[in-house]
């Protein structure tokens, strides 16, 4: 998907974005690059991740992964997943792999982005007792949230990012507020990120609208005090420095949280809205832009039968520049 002059395209993309960030909102909507990236009709996306200057979106319907260029809007199927799989949260790494959370199947999958070949599959929990929702990658591990059980699943990565054997999956029991706030028959922990300066995970509880920092070794947690701020229906999250973007799906908005370095507190300093949002679930960043995927749960909530004519897309918005 990437052009041979990807380096030049990168410079153009970032430079154009930096200039757009300095002008008024009306002008900022005009760009050399598409603002809306179409996905296949009936695709039922949920997760999205940046891969160079492409976006990868995963399907709740069949686990397929679709790849679309942020520079041109052209796309193609990247992974034709084996039958019986789904894709919830997804994350790509620099080794050309995409890691996938398997929802109620209690599984995690890894694919080669370039060839589409399955590389590994892991049983994280008993199917039907779990909802493996989202994940974050670090140099040493992949961390997965479970929205109905107060645990974090860990795939430890070996030398050079080597994938673990099936028996090396770790389950970390949460303690403290992140565990205490779990509610029965609700979606709890969802989006997750890693703050390298504190060596702690950050996760949002969709039902409670609360944010936590979590020790990735012990599962010990602390609530991040947001004052009067709330993140109800917080779904995917994107961390850039001390700024955390929280996609609030049914609110059709992205909250911008300015975190304190120690992660004891933060402040909701801005909200990004756009008329093109149609229940966005997750997002990722390229340059000065956020790319949010519309799941359209208001008209096609899973596991409703797929409507093959229903359109889906990824929406590009300029990341907030206020509340620094």
C-alpha atoms as a PDB file:
ATOM      1  CA  UNK A   1       0.000   0.000   0.000  1.00  0.00           C
ATOM      2  CA  UNK A   2       2.852   2.397   0.733  1.00  0.00           C
ATOM      3  CA  UNK A   3       4.310   4.203  -2.239  1.00  0.00           C
ATOM      4  CA  UNK A   4       8.002   3.870  -3.078  1.00  0.00           C
ATOM      5  CA  UNK A   5       8.506   7.508  -2.134  1.00  0.00           C
ATOM      6  CA  UNK A   6       7.045   6.908   1.339  1.00  0.00           C
ATOM      7  CA  UNK A   7       9.668   9.139   2.950  1.00  0.00           C
ATOM      8  CA  UNK A   8       8.603  12.103   0.817  1.00  0.00           C
ATOM      9  CA  UNK A   9       4.947  11.325   1.454  1.00  0.00           C
ATOM     10  CA  UNK A  10       5.653  11.233   5.174  1.00  0.00           C
ATOM     11  CA  UNK A  11       7.335  14.641   5.111  1.00  0.00           C
ATOM     12  CA  UNK A  12       4.473  16.102   3.081  1.00  0.00           C
ATOM     13  CA  UNK A  13       1.854  14.581   5.384  1.00  0.00           C
ATOM     14  CA  UNK A  14       3.440  15.797   8.612  1.00  0.00           C
ATOM     15  CA  UNK A  15       4.337  19.225   7.232  1.00  0.00           C
ATOM     16  CA  UNK A  16       0.831  19.755   5.875  1.00  0.00           C
ATOM     17  CA  UNK A  17      -0.636  18.670   9.203  1.00  0.00           C
ATOM     18  CA  UNK A  18       1.595  21.033  11.163  1.00  0.00           C
ATOM     19  CA  UNK A  19       0.497  23.924   8.991  1.00  0.00           C
ATOM     20  CA  UNK A  20      -3.156  22.944   9.271  1.00  0.00           C
ATOM     21  CA  UNK A  21      -2.869  22.878  13.036  1.00  0.00           C
ATOM     22  CA  UNK A  22      -2.064  26.588  13.032  1.00  0.00           C
ATOM     23  CA  UNK A  23      -4.985  27.830  10.974  1.00  0.00           C
ATOM     24  CA  UNK A  24      -8.678  28.287  11.685  1.00  0.00           C
ATOM     25  CA  UNK A  25     -11.059  25.312  11.835  1.00  0.00           C
ATOM     26  CA  UNK A  26     -12.700  25.903   8.451  1.00  0.00           C
ATOM     27  CA  UNK A  27      -9.374  26.036   6.653  1.00  0.00           C
ATOM     28  CA  UNK A  28      -8.075  23.054   8.621  1.00  0.00           C
ATOM     29  CA  UNK A  29     -10.680  20.842   6.999  1.00  0.00           C
ATOM     30  CA  UNK A  30      -9.058  21.305   3.614  1.00  0.00           C
ATOM     31  CA  UNK A  31      -6.193  18.902   3.043  1.00  0.00           C
ATOM     32  CA  UNK A  32      -4.212  17.119   0.403  1.00  0.00           C
ATOM     33  CA  UNK A  33      -5.277  13.844   1.973  1.00  0.00           C
ATOM     34  CA  UNK A  34      -8.702  12.208   2.401  1.00  0.00           C
ATOM     35  CA  UNK A  35     -10.625  13.055   5.540  1.00  0.00           C
ATOM     36  CA  UNK A  36     -12.793   9.922   5.393  1.00  0.00           C
ATOM     37  CA  UNK A  37     -11.359   6.485   4.593  1.00  0.00           C
ATOM     38  CA  UNK A  38     -13.983   3.993   3.389  1.00  0.00           C
ATOM     39  CA  UNK A  39     -14.128   0.423   4.646  1.00  0.00           C
ATOM     40  CA  UNK A  40     -15.990  -2.402   2.882  1.00  0.00           C
ATOM     41  CA  UNK A  41     -19.778  -2.348   3.234  1.00  0.00           C
ATOM     42  CA  UNK A  42     -20.948  -4.697   5.982  1.00  0.00           C
ATOM     43  CA  UNK A  43     -17.443  -4.939   7.484  1.00  0.00           C
ATOM     44  CA  UNK A  44     -18.501  -4.304  11.118  1.00  0.00           C
ATOM     45  CA  UNK A  45     -15.223  -2.756  12.343  1.00  0.00           C
ATOM     46  CA  UNK A  46     -14.255  -2.206  15.977  1.00  0.00           C
ATOM     47  CA  UNK A  47     -10.486  -1.844  16.289  1.00  0.00           C
ATOM     48  CA  UNK A  48      -8.064   0.314  14.329  1.00  0.00           C
ATOM     49  CA  UNK A  49      -4.288   0.718  14.426  1.00  0.00           C
ATOM     50  CA  UNK A  50      -1.739   2.728  12.482  1.00  0.00           C
ATOM     51  CA  UNK A  51       0.781   0.812  10.394  1.00  0.00           C
ATOM     52  CA  UNK A  52       3.184   3.264   8.818  1.00  0.00           C
ATOM     53  CA  UNK A  53       0.891   5.525   6.809  1.00  0.00           C
ATOM     54  CA  UNK A  54      -1.804   2.916   6.513  1.00  0.00           C
ATOM     55  CA  UNK A  55      -4.637   2.095   8.908  1.00  0.00           C
ATOM     56  CA  UNK A  56      -5.608  -1.465   9.763  1.00  0.00           C
ATOM     57  CA  UNK A  57      -9.212  -2.122  10.846  1.00  0.00           C
ATOM     58  CA  UNK A  58     -10.487  -5.382  12.306  1.00  0.00           C
ATOM     59  CA  UNK A  59     -13.909  -6.945  11.775  1.00  0.00           C
ATOM     60  CA  UNK A  60     -16.241  -8.172  14.512  1.00  0.00           C
ATOM     61  CA  UNK A  61     -18.019 -10.207  11.861  1.00  0.00           C
ATOM     62  CA  UNK A  62     -15.282 -12.611  10.784  1.00  0.00           C
ATOM     63  CA  UNK A  63     -11.942 -11.412  12.188  1.00  0.00           C
ATOM     64  CA  UNK A  64     -10.657 -10.083   8.862  1.00  0.00           C
ATOM     65  CA  UNK A  65      -8.209  -7.166   8.794  1.00  0.00           C
ATOM     66  CA  UNK A  66      -8.614  -4.429   6.179  1.00  0.00           C
ATOM     67  CA  UNK A  67      -5.736  -2.101   5.219  1.00  0.00           C
ATOM     68  CA  UNK A  68      -6.386   1.408   3.916  1.00  0.00           C
ATOM     69  CA  UNK A  69      -3.947   4.177   3.023  1.00  0.00           C
ATOM     70  CA  UNK A  70      -4.202   7.437   4.976  1.00  0.00           C
ATOM     71  CA  UNK A  71      -2.580   9.150   1.992  1.00  0.00           C
ATOM     72  CA  UNK A  72      -4.921   7.980  -0.779  1.00  0.00           C
ATOM     73  CA  UNK A  73      -7.931   6.294   0.849  1.00  0.00           C
ATOM     74  CA  UNK A  74      -7.377   3.172  -1.239  1.00  0.00           C
ATOM     75  CA  UNK A  75      -7.639  -0.130   0.571  1.00  0.00           C
ATOM     76  CA  UNK A  76      -7.455  -3.896   0.328  1.00  0.00           C
ATOM     77  CA  UNK A  77      -7.954  -6.975   2.484  1.00  0.00           C
ATOM     78  CA  UNK A  78      -4.777  -7.619   4.484  1.00  0.00           C
ATOM     79  CA  UNK A  79      -5.837 -10.669   6.527  1.00  0.00           C
ATOM     80  CA  UNK A  80      -8.472 -13.218   5.558  1.00  0.00           C
ATOM     81  CA  UNK A  81      -8.888 -14.681   9.028  1.00  0.00           C
ATOM     82  CA  UNK A  82      -9.579 -18.370   9.582  1.00  0.00           C
ATOM     83  CA  UNK A  83     -13.256 -19.217  10.026  1.00  0.00           C
ATOM     84  CA  UNK A  84     -14.747 -18.678  13.463  1.00  0.00           C
ATOM     85  CA  UNK A  85     -12.573 -15.776  14.555  1.00  0.00           C
ATOM     86  CA  UNK A  86     -13.427 -12.158  15.364  1.00  0.00           C
ATOM     87  CA  UNK A  87     -11.306  -9.031  15.823  1.00  0.00           C
ATOM     88  CA  UNK A  88     -11.957  -6.533  18.606  1.00  0.00           C
ATOM     89  CA  UNK A  89      -8.957  -4.398  19.635  1.00  0.00           C
ATOM     90  CA  UNK A  90      -5.927  -4.606  17.336  1.00  0.00           C
ATOM     91  CA  UNK A  91      -2.365  -3.249  17.466  1.00  0.00           C
ATOM     92  CA  UNK A  92       0.423  -3.430  14.882  1.00  0.00           C
ATOM     93  CA  UNK A  93       4.111  -3.504  15.732  1.00  0.00           C
ATOM     94  CA  UNK A  94       7.212  -2.489  13.780  1.00  0.00           C
ATOM     95  CA  UNK A  95       7.938  -6.074  12.826  1.00  0.00           C
ATOM     96  CA  UNK A  96       5.003  -6.264  10.434  1.00  0.00           C
ATOM     97  CA  UNK A  97       2.706  -8.103  12.839  1.00  0.00           C
ATOM     98  CA  UNK A  98      -0.786  -7.287  14.035  1.00  0.00           C
ATOM     99  CA  UNK A  99      -2.017  -8.533  17.427  1.00  0.00           C
ATOM    100  CA  UNK A 100      -5.756  -9.069  17.837  1.00  0.00           C
ATOM    101  CA  UNK A 101      -8.083  -9.364  20.849  1.00  0.00           C
ATOM    102  CA  UNK A 102     -10.667 -12.121  20.392  1.00  0.00           C
ATOM    103  CA  UNK A 103     -13.575 -10.874  22.508  1.00  0.00           C
ATOM    104  CA  UNK A 104     -15.931 -13.505  23.957  1.00  0.00           C
ATOM    105  CA  UNK A 105     -13.858 -16.253  22.318  1.00  0.00           C
ATOM    106  CA  UNK A 106     -11.235 -15.627  25.017  1.00  0.00           C
ATOM    107  CA  UNK A 107      -8.477 -15.670  22.440  1.00  0.00           C
ATOM    108  CA  UNK A 108      -5.634 -13.590  21.039  1.00  0.00           C
ATOM    109  CA  UNK A 109      -4.274 -13.853  17.508  1.00  0.00           C
ATOM    110  CA  UNK A 110      -1.186 -12.643  15.677  1.00  0.00           C
ATOM    111  CA  UNK A 111      -0.924 -12.203  11.901  1.00  0.00           C
ATOM    112  CA  UNK A 112       1.709 -11.137   9.393  1.00  0.00           C
ATOM    113  CA  UNK A 113       0.439  -7.857   7.919  1.00  0.00           C
ATOM    114  CA  UNK A 114       2.283  -8.218   4.612  1.00  0.00           C
ATOM    115  CA  UNK A 115       1.352 -11.815   3.828  1.00  0.00           C
ATOM    116  CA  UNK A 116      -1.867 -12.139   5.835  1.00  0.00           C
ATOM    117  CA  UNK A 117      -0.628 -15.423   7.290  1.00  0.00           C
ATOM    118  CA  UNK A 118      -1.636 -16.440  10.834  1.00  0.00           C
ATOM    119  CA  UNK A 119       1.449 -16.519  13.067  1.00  0.00           C
ATOM    120  CA  UNK A 120      -0.004 -17.593  16.420  1.00  0.00           C
ATOM    121  CA  UNK A 121      -3.205 -18.123  18.389  1.00  0.00           C
ATOM    122  CA  UNK A 122      -3.529 -18.073  22.175  1.00  0.00           C
ATOM    123  CA  UNK A 123      -6.254 -19.222  24.560  1.00  0.00           C
ATOM    124  CA  UNK A 124      -6.412 -16.516  27.226  1.00  0.00           C
ATOM    125  CA  UNK A 125      -9.639 -17.564  28.960  1.00  0.00           C
ATOM    126  CA  UNK A 126     -12.543 -19.981  28.643  1.00  0.00           C
ATOM    127  CA  UNK A 127     -14.869 -18.890  25.812  1.00  0.00           C
ATOM    128  CA  UNK A 128     -18.138 -17.414  27.039  1.00  0.00           C
ATOM    129  CA  UNK A 129     -16.716 -16.375  30.426  1.00  0.00           C
ATOM    130  CA  UNK A 130     -14.722 -13.436  29.150  1.00  0.00           C
ATOM    131  CA  UNK A 131     -14.473 -10.527  26.736  1.00  0.00           C
ATOM    132  CA  UNK A 132     -10.905  -9.886  25.643  1.00  0.00           C
ATOM    133  CA  UNK A 133     -11.342  -6.328  24.464  1.00  0.00           C
ATOM    134  CA  UNK A 134      -8.238  -4.248  23.799  1.00  0.00           C
ATOM    135  CA  UNK A 135      -4.466  -4.373  24.012  1.00  0.00           C
ATOM    136  CA  UNK A 136      -1.251  -2.416  24.094  1.00  0.00           C
ATOM    137  CA  UNK A 137       2.201  -3.469  22.918  1.00  0.00           C
ATOM    138  CA  UNK A 138       5.480  -2.693  24.654  1.00  0.00           C
ATOM    139  CA  UNK A 139       8.997  -3.875  23.836  1.00  0.00           C
ATOM    140  CA  UNK A 140       8.547  -6.788  26.218  1.00  0.00           C
ATOM    141  CA  UNK A 141       4.899  -7.844  26.114  1.00  0.00           C
ATOM    142  CA  UNK A 142       1.373  -7.516  24.797  1.00  0.00           C
ATOM    143  CA  UNK A 143      -1.190  -6.620  27.490  1.00  0.00           C
ATOM    144  CA  UNK A 144      -4.903  -7.383  26.993  1.00  0.00           C
ATOM    145  CA  UNK A 145      -7.902  -6.129  28.969  1.00  0.00           C
ATOM    146  CA  UNK A 146     -10.906  -8.257  29.859  1.00  0.00           C
ATOM    147  CA  UNK A 147     -14.116  -6.253  30.106  1.00  0.00           C
ATOM    148  CA  UNK A 148     -15.978  -8.755  32.295  1.00  0.00           C
ATOM    149  CA  UNK A 149     -13.170 -10.149  34.476  1.00  0.00           C
ATOM    150  CA  UNK A 150     -10.762  -8.016  36.585  1.00  0.00           C
ATOM    151  CA  UNK A 151      -7.583  -9.389  35.010  1.00  0.00           C
ATOM    152  CA  UNK A 152      -4.893  -8.424  32.528  1.00  0.00           C
ATOM    153  CA  UNK A 153      -3.596 -11.064  30.118  1.00  0.00           C
ATOM    154  CA  UNK A 154       0.070 -10.917  29.142  1.00  0.00           C
ATOM    155  CA  UNK A 155       1.887 -12.362  26.155  1.00  0.00           C
ATOM    156  CA  UNK A 156       5.575 -12.003  27.094  1.00  0.00           C
ATOM    157  CA  UNK A 157       7.775 -11.294  24.088  1.00  0.00           C
ATOM    158  CA  UNK A 158      11.222 -12.815  23.793  1.00  0.00           C
ATOM    159  CA  UNK A 159      14.466 -11.580  22.294  1.00  0.00           C
ATOM    160  CA  UNK A 160      13.819  -9.614  19.124  1.00  0.00           C
ATOM    161  CA  UNK A 161      10.084  -9.664  19.834  1.00  0.00           C
ATOM    162  CA  UNK A 162       9.812 -13.449  19.575  1.00  0.00           C
ATOM    163  CA  UNK A 163       6.281 -14.691  20.168  1.00  0.00           C
ATOM    164  CA  UNK A 164       5.718 -16.860  23.251  1.00  0.00           C
ATOM    165  CA  UNK A 165       4.602 -20.462  23.271  1.00  0.00           C
ATOM    166  CA  UNK A 166       0.950 -21.126  24.088  1.00  0.00           C
ATOM    167  CA  UNK A 167       1.819 -22.200  27.625  1.00  0.00           C
ATOM    168  CA  UNK A 168       3.594 -18.948  28.441  1.00  0.00           C
ATOM    169  CA  UNK A 169       0.447 -16.813  28.628  1.00  0.00           C
ATOM    170  CA  UNK A 170       0.257 -14.963  31.951  1.00  0.00           C
ATOM    171  CA  UNK A 171      -2.861 -13.822  33.836  1.00  0.00           C
ATOM    172  CA  UNK A 172      -2.452 -10.938  36.272  1.00  0.00           C
ATOM    173  CA  UNK A 173      -5.224 -10.438  38.812  1.00  0.00           C
ATOM    174  CA  UNK A 174      -6.126  -6.783  39.299  1.00  0.00           C
ATOM    175  CA  UNK A 175      -6.315  -5.267  42.777  1.00  0.00           C
ATOM    176  CA  UNK A 176      -7.395  -1.875  44.065  1.00  0.00           C
ATOM    177  CA  UNK A 177      -9.912   0.437  42.347  1.00  0.00           C
ATOM    178  CA  UNK A 178      -9.559  -1.071  38.860  1.00  0.00           C
ATOM    179  CA  UNK A 179     -10.822  -4.386  40.285  1.00  0.00           C
ATOM    180  CA  UNK A 180     -13.222  -2.971  42.871  1.00  0.00           C
ATOM    181  CA  UNK A 181     -15.088  -0.924  40.251  1.00  0.00           C
ATOM    182  CA  UNK A 182     -15.996  -3.924  38.065  1.00  0.00           C
ATOM    183  CA  UNK A 183     -19.771  -4.141  37.635  1.00  0.00           C
ATOM    184  CA  UNK A 184     -21.657  -7.335  36.793  1.00  0.00           C
ATOM    185  CA  UNK A 185     -23.119  -7.608  33.291  1.00  0.00           C
ATOM    186  CA  UNK A 186     -21.379  -4.417  32.182  1.00  0.00           C
ATOM    187  CA  UNK A 187     -18.365  -3.572  30.045  1.00  0.00           C
ATOM    188  CA  UNK A 188     -15.617  -2.540  32.453  1.00  0.00           C
ATOM    189  CA  UNK A 189     -11.937  -2.172  31.526  1.00  0.00           C
ATOM    190  CA  UNK A 190     -11.601  -1.458  27.845  1.00  0.00           C
ATOM    191  CA  UNK A 191      -8.949   0.698  26.160  1.00  0.00           C
ATOM    192  CA  UNK A 192      -5.398   0.366  27.442  1.00  0.00           C
ATOM    193  CA  UNK A 193      -2.090   2.190  26.932  1.00  0.00           C
ATOM    194  CA  UNK A 194       1.405   2.137  28.446  1.00  0.00           C
ATOM    195  CA  UNK A 195       3.101   5.180  29.999  1.00  0.00           C
ATOM    196  CA  UNK A 196       6.841   4.490  29.649  1.00  0.00           C
ATOM    197  CA  UNK A 197       7.923   7.286  31.992  1.00  0.00           C
ATOM    198  CA  UNK A 198       5.995   5.687  34.891  1.00  0.00           C
ATOM    199  CA  UNK A 199       6.226   2.079  33.726  1.00  0.00           C
ATOM    200  CA  UNK A 200       2.500   1.717  34.343  1.00  0.00           C
ATOM    201  CA  UNK A 201      -0.481   0.815  32.230  1.00  0.00           C
ATOM    202  CA  UNK A 202      -3.396   3.210  31.777  1.00  0.00           C
ATOM    203  CA  UNK A 203      -6.897   1.804  31.256  1.00  0.00           C
ATOM    204  CA  UNK A 204     -10.441   3.183  31.077  1.00  0.00           C
ATOM    205  CA  UNK A 205     -13.584   1.628  32.541  1.00  0.00           C
ATOM    206  CA  UNK A 206     -16.376   2.087  29.978  1.00  0.00           C
ATOM    207  CA  UNK A 207     -19.238   1.682  32.429  1.00  0.00           C
ATOM    208  CA  UNK A 208     -17.865   3.762  35.291  1.00  0.00           C
ATOM    209  CA  UNK A 209     -16.221   6.414  33.100  1.00  0.00           C
ATOM    210  CA  UNK A 210     -13.085   6.223  35.229  1.00  0.00           C
ATOM    211  CA  UNK A 211      -9.383   6.023  34.469  1.00  0.00           C
ATOM    212  CA  UNK A 212      -6.724   3.929  36.229  1.00  0.00           C
ATOM    213  CA  UNK A 213      -3.003   3.409  36.360  1.00  0.00           C
ATOM    214  CA  UNK A 214      -1.966  -0.230  36.773  1.00  0.00           C
ATOM    215  CA  UNK A 215       1.317  -1.888  37.707  1.00  0.00           C
ATOM    216  CA  UNK A 216       1.925  -4.365  34.834  1.00  0.00           C
ATOM    217  CA  UNK A 217       3.861  -6.716  37.125  1.00  0.00           C
ATOM    218  CA  UNK A 218       1.490  -6.995  40.067  1.00  0.00           C
ATOM    219  CA  UNK A 219      -1.901  -5.744  38.848  1.00  0.00           C
ATOM    220  CA  UNK A 220      -2.024  -3.172  41.678  1.00  0.00           C
ATOM    221  CA  UNK A 221      -4.061  -0.166  40.539  1.00  0.00           C
ATOM    222  CA  UNK A 222      -4.891   3.423  41.452  1.00  0.00           C
ATOM    223  CA  UNK A 223      -7.651   5.675  40.188  1.00  0.00           C
ATOM    224  CA  UNK A 224      -6.502   8.695  38.162  1.00  0.00           C
ATOM    225  CA  UNK A 225      -8.386  11.623  39.675  1.00  0.00           C
ATOM    226  CA  UNK A 226     -10.151  13.591  36.918  1.00  0.00           C
ATOM    227  CA  UNK A 227     -11.981  15.978  39.231  1.00  0.00           C
ATOM    228  CA  UNK A 228     -15.348  16.730  37.650  1.00  0.00           C
ATOM    229  CA  UNK A 229     -14.323  15.050  34.389  1.00  0.00           C
ATOM    230  CA  UNK A 230     -15.925  11.766  33.359  1.00  0.00           C
ATOM    231  CA  UNK A 231     -15.292   9.332  30.537  1.00  0.00           C
ATOM    232  CA  UNK A 232     -18.571   7.411  30.294  1.00  0.00           C
ATOM    233  CA  UNK A 233     -18.522   4.955  27.388  1.00  0.00           C
ATOM    234  CA  UNK A 234     -14.765   5.362  27.144  1.00  0.00           C
ATOM    235  CA  UNK A 235     -13.561   2.845  24.581  1.00  0.00           C
ATOM    236  CA  UNK A 236     -10.229   2.952  22.757  1.00  0.00           C
ATOM    237  CA  UNK A 237      -7.536   5.284  24.105  1.00  0.00           C
ATOM    238  CA  UNK A 238      -4.497   6.899  22.482  1.00  0.00           C
ATOM    239  CA  UNK A 239      -1.557   8.206  24.540  1.00  0.00           C
ATOM    240  CA  UNK A 240       0.733  10.898  23.132  1.00  0.00           C
ATOM    241  CA  UNK A 241       3.099  12.209  25.774  1.00  0.00           C
ATOM    242  CA  UNK A 242       1.001  13.441  28.688  1.00  0.00           C
ATOM    243  CA  UNK A 243      -2.063  13.821  26.526  1.00  0.00           C
ATOM    244  CA  UNK A 244      -4.565  10.975  26.483  1.00  0.00           C
ATOM    245  CA  UNK A 245      -7.336  10.786  23.876  1.00  0.00           C
ATOM    246  CA  UNK A 246     -10.349   8.754  25.015  1.00  0.00           C
ATOM    247  CA  UNK A 247     -12.914   7.707  22.401  1.00  0.00           C
ATOM    248  CA  UNK A 248     -16.408   7.890  23.948  1.00  0.00           C
ATOM    249  CA  UNK A 249     -18.399   5.740  21.565  1.00  0.00           C
ATOM    250  CA  UNK A 250     -22.095   6.558  22.084  1.00  0.00           C
ATOM    251  CA  UNK A 251     -21.231  10.160  22.947  1.00  0.00           C
ATOM    252  CA  UNK A 252     -19.748  10.504  19.450  1.00  0.00           C
ATOM    253  CA  UNK A 253     -16.754  12.367  20.799  1.00  0.00           C
ATOM    254  CA  UNK A 254     -13.129  12.059  21.835  1.00  0.00           C
ATOM    255  CA  UNK A 255     -12.198  13.452  25.249  1.00  0.00           C
ATOM    256  CA  UNK A 256      -8.749  14.991  25.627  1.00  0.00           C
ATOM    257  CA  UNK A 257      -7.176  14.368  29.036  1.00  0.00           C
ATOM    258  CA  UNK A 258      -4.045  16.162  30.222  1.00  0.00           C
ATOM    259  CA  UNK A 259      -2.301  13.795  32.622  1.00  0.00           C
ATOM    260  CA  UNK A 260       0.019  14.706  35.474  1.00  0.00           C
ATOM    261  CA  UNK A 261       3.413  12.992  35.181  1.00  0.00           C
ATOM    262  CA  UNK A 262       2.853  10.794  38.239  1.00  0.00           C
ATOM    263  CA  UNK A 263      -0.544   9.631  36.910  1.00  0.00           C
ATOM    264  CA  UNK A 264      -2.237  10.500  40.188  1.00  0.00           C
ATOM    265  CA  UNK A 265      -4.519  12.964  38.442  1.00  0.00           C
ATOM    266  CA  UNK A 266      -5.509  14.472  35.130  1.00  0.00           C
ATOM    267  CA  UNK A 267      -7.927  16.955  33.629  1.00  0.00           C
ATOM    268  CA  UNK A 268     -10.344  16.749  30.714  1.00  0.00           C
ATOM    269  CA  UNK A 269      -9.193  19.835  28.799  1.00  0.00           C
ATOM    270  CA  UNK A 270     -10.972  19.470  25.475  1.00  0.00           C
ATOM    271  CA  UNK A 271     -13.506  17.429  23.526  1.00  0.00           C
ATOM    272  CA  UNK A 272     -13.236  16.593  19.834  1.00  0.00           C
ATOM    273  CA  UNK A 273     -16.528  16.237  17.967  1.00  0.00           C
ATOM    274  CA  UNK A 274     -17.301  15.786  14.306  1.00  0.00           C
ATOM    275  CA  UNK A 275     -20.596  15.322  12.420  1.00  0.00           C
ATOM    276  CA  UNK A 276     -19.062  12.304  10.675  1.00  0.00           C
ATOM    277  CA  UNK A 277     -18.718  10.363  13.946  1.00  0.00           C
ATOM    278  CA  UNK A 278     -21.128   7.400  13.963  1.00  0.00           C
ATOM    279  CA  UNK A 279     -20.351   5.662  17.253  1.00  0.00           C
ATOM    280  CA  UNK A 280     -16.562   5.571  16.931  1.00  0.00           C
ATOM    281  CA  UNK A 281     -14.972   2.889  19.073  1.00  0.00           C
ATOM    282  CA  UNK A 282     -11.211   3.197  18.765  1.00  0.00           C
ATOM    283  CA  UNK A 283      -8.613   5.477  17.236  1.00  0.00           C
ATOM    284  CA  UNK A 284      -4.940   5.818  16.484  1.00  0.00           C
ATOM    285  CA  UNK A 285      -2.685   8.716  15.568  1.00  0.00           C
ATOM    286  CA  UNK A 286      -0.549   9.549  12.548  1.00  0.00           C
ATOM    287  CA  UNK A 287       1.267  12.867  12.734  1.00  0.00           C
ATOM    288  CA  UNK A 288      -1.109  15.578  14.036  1.00  0.00           C
ATOM    289  CA  UNK A 289      -4.231  13.572  13.192  1.00  0.00           C
ATOM    290  CA  UNK A 290      -6.438  11.065  14.946  1.00  0.00           C
ATOM    291  CA  UNK A 291      -8.132   8.358  12.905  1.00  0.00           C
ATOM    292  CA  UNK A 292     -11.328   7.051  14.541  1.00  0.00           C
ATOM    293  CA  UNK A 293     -13.246   4.045  13.235  1.00  0.00           C
ATOM    294  CA  UNK A 294     -17.051   4.193  13.127  1.00  0.00           C
ATOM    295  CA  UNK A 295     -18.583   0.990  14.516  1.00  0.00           C
ATOM    296  CA  UNK A 296     -22.199   2.175  14.114  1.00  0.00           C
ATOM    297  CA  UNK A 297     -23.412   0.256  17.177  1.00  0.00           C
ATOM    298  CA  UNK A 298     -26.517   2.448  17.261  1.00  0.00           C
ATOM    299  CA  UNK A 299     -27.874   0.746  14.137  1.00  0.00           C
ATOM    300  CA  UNK A 300     -25.963  -2.561  14.089  1.00  0.00           C
ATOM    301  CA  UNK A 301     -24.998  -3.584  17.632  1.00  0.00           C
ATOM    302  CA  UNK A 302     -23.136  -6.893  17.762  1.00  0.00           C
ATOM    303  CA  UNK A 303     -24.009  -9.699  17.580  1.00  0.00           C
ATOM    304  CA  UNK A 304     -26.837  -8.494  15.335  1.00  0.00           C
ATOM    305  CA  UNK A 305     -26.775 -10.080  11.865  1.00  0.00           C
ATOM    306  CA  UNK A 306     -24.553  -8.172   9.475  1.00  0.00           C
ATOM    307  CA  UNK A 307     -26.212  -5.850   7.004  1.00  0.00           C
ATOM    308  CA  UNK A 308     -24.040  -6.237   3.888  1.00  0.00           C
ATOM    309  CA  UNK A 309     -25.185  -2.857   2.589  1.00  0.00           C
ATOM    310  CA  UNK A 310     -24.266  -0.880   5.720  1.00  0.00           C
ATOM    311  CA  UNK A 311     -21.345   1.474   5.104  1.00  0.00           C
ATOM    312  CA  UNK A 312     -18.418   1.968   7.494  1.00  0.00           C
ATOM    313  CA  UNK A 313     -15.453   4.309   7.510  1.00  0.00           C
ATOM    314  CA  UNK A 314     -12.462   5.698   9.383  1.00  0.00           C
ATOM    315  CA  UNK A 315     -12.703   9.427  10.111  1.00  0.00           C
ATOM    316  CA  UNK A 316      -9.662  11.711  10.255  1.00  0.00           C
ATOM    317  CA  UNK A 317      -9.755  14.654  12.664  1.00  0.00           C
ATOM    318  CA  UNK A 318      -7.159  17.136  13.760  1.00  0.00           C
ATOM    319  CA  UNK A 319      -5.963  16.376  17.291  1.00  0.00           C
ATOM    320  CA  UNK A 320      -6.955  19.084  19.783  1.00  0.00           C
ATOM    321  CA  UNK A 321      -4.484  21.933  20.151  1.00  0.00           C
ATOM    322  CA  UNK A 322      -6.104  23.639  23.134  1.00  0.00           C
ATOM    323  CA  UNK A 323      -5.629  22.931  26.828  1.00  0.00           C
ATOM    324  CA  UNK A 324      -1.878  22.501  26.624  1.00  0.00           C
END
